[in-house]
Amino acid sequence: MSAPPTRSFDDVVATLTADTVPYLSCDECFERICVFVEQVTAHPRYADEVMQKHLHACGVCADEAEALIELLEHRNTI
């Protein structure tokens, strides 16, 4: 198992001070994440400001979105 990627101090500070308005909770994010991932993979220019702000500020949700995107892209190559 590989170690998680290290983040620079500047990245951590940027995440902690990110603008999260309009606010989206992690529960709300997880309710919307599947649709968001499907839209992002189908339409690369798709934008959902609320989701993007939340994912920028929340590493856990961002990791989940990234894993789902990788899974969906891998499924589409089979």
Protein backbone atom coordinates (compact mmCIF):
# COMPACT_ATOMS: atom_id res chain seq x y z
CA MET A 1 0.00 0.00 0.00
CA SER A 2 1.42 3.37 -0.93
CA ALA A 3 1.63 6.35 1.38
CA PRO A 4 -0.83 9.18 0.83
CA PRO A 5 0.59 12.08 -1.15
CA THR A 6 2.07 14.82 0.97
CA ARG A 7 0.65 18.31 0.67
CA SER A 8 2.63 21.47 0.97
CA PHE A 9 2.01 23.92 3.79
CA ASP A 10 0.65 26.41 1.24
CA ASP A 11 -1.84 23.82 -0.06
CA VAL A 12 -3.06 23.10 3.46
CA VAL A 13 -3.47 26.80 4.25
CA ALA A 14 -5.30 27.38 0.95
CA THR A 15 -7.70 24.55 1.76
CA LEU A 16 -8.35 25.78 5.29
CA THR A 17 -9.00 29.33 4.15
CA ALA A 18 -10.96 28.52 0.99
CA ASP A 19 -14.16 30.41 0.29
CA THR A 20 -16.98 27.95 0.94
CA VAL A 21 -19.91 30.24 0.17
CA PRO A 22 -22.40 29.00 -0.87
CA TYR A 23 -22.04 26.32 1.80
CA LEU A 24 -22.52 22.62 1.07
CA SER A 25 -22.21 20.05 3.84
CA CYS A 26 -20.45 16.74 3.31
CA ASP A 27 -23.80 14.93 3.60
CA GLU A 28 -25.24 17.13 0.86
CA CYS A 29 -22.11 16.61 -1.22
CA PHE A 30 -22.40 12.82 -0.97
CA GLU A 31 -26.06 13.06 -2.02
CA ARG A 32 -24.97 14.90 -5.20
CA ILE A 33 -21.58 13.36 -5.93
CA CYS A 34 -22.69 10.58 -8.31
CA VAL A 35 -24.55 12.99 -10.59
CA PHE A 36 -21.63 15.44 -10.41
CA VAL A 37 -19.10 12.76 -11.38
CA GLU A 38 -21.25 11.51 -14.24
CA GLN A 39 -21.64 15.05 -15.58
CA VAL A 40 -17.93 15.86 -15.23
CA THR A 41 -16.87 12.72 -17.08
CA ALA A 42 -19.49 13.14 -19.82
CA HIS A 43 -19.01 16.89 -20.23
CA PRO A 44 -15.49 18.05 -19.27
CA ARG A 45 -16.57 21.72 -19.26
CA TYR A 46 -19.45 20.97 -16.84
CA ALA A 47 -19.43 23.35 -13.89
CA ASP A 48 -21.19 23.12 -10.55
CA GLU A 49 -19.84 26.01 -8.48
CA VAL A 50 -21.19 24.74 -5.17
CA MET A 51 -19.73 21.25 -5.61
CA GLN A 52 -16.43 22.59 -6.90
CA LYS A 53 -16.05 24.93 -3.92
CA HIS A 54 -16.82 22.12 -1.50
CA LEU A 55 -14.43 19.70 -3.19
CA HIS A 56 -11.69 22.33 -3.15
CA ALA A 57 -12.11 22.80 0.61
CA CYS A 58 -12.84 19.21 1.68
CA GLY A 59 -10.16 16.63 1.05
CA VAL A 60 -12.34 13.67 2.01
CA CYS A 61 -15.07 14.53 -0.49
CA ALA A 62 -12.47 15.45 -3.13
CA ASP A 63 -10.82 12.04 -2.71
CA GLU A 64 -14.20 10.34 -3.09
CA ALA A 65 -14.98 12.31 -6.26
CA GLU A 66 -11.55 11.55 -7.71
CA ALA A 67 -11.94 7.82 -6.97
CA LEU A 68 -15.39 7.76 -8.59
CA ILE A 69 -14.10 9.61 -11.66
CA GLU A 70 -11.21 7.15 -12.02
CA LEU A 71 -13.59 4.22 -11.61
CA LEU A 72 -16.02 5.58 -14.19
CA GLU A 73 -13.23 6.37 -16.67
CA HIS A 74 -11.76 2.90 -16.20
CA ARG A 75 -15.18 1.31 -16.72
CA ASN A 76 -15.58 3.25 -19.97
CA THR A 77 -12.27 1.88 -21.32
CA ILE A 78 -13.27 -1.76 -20.86
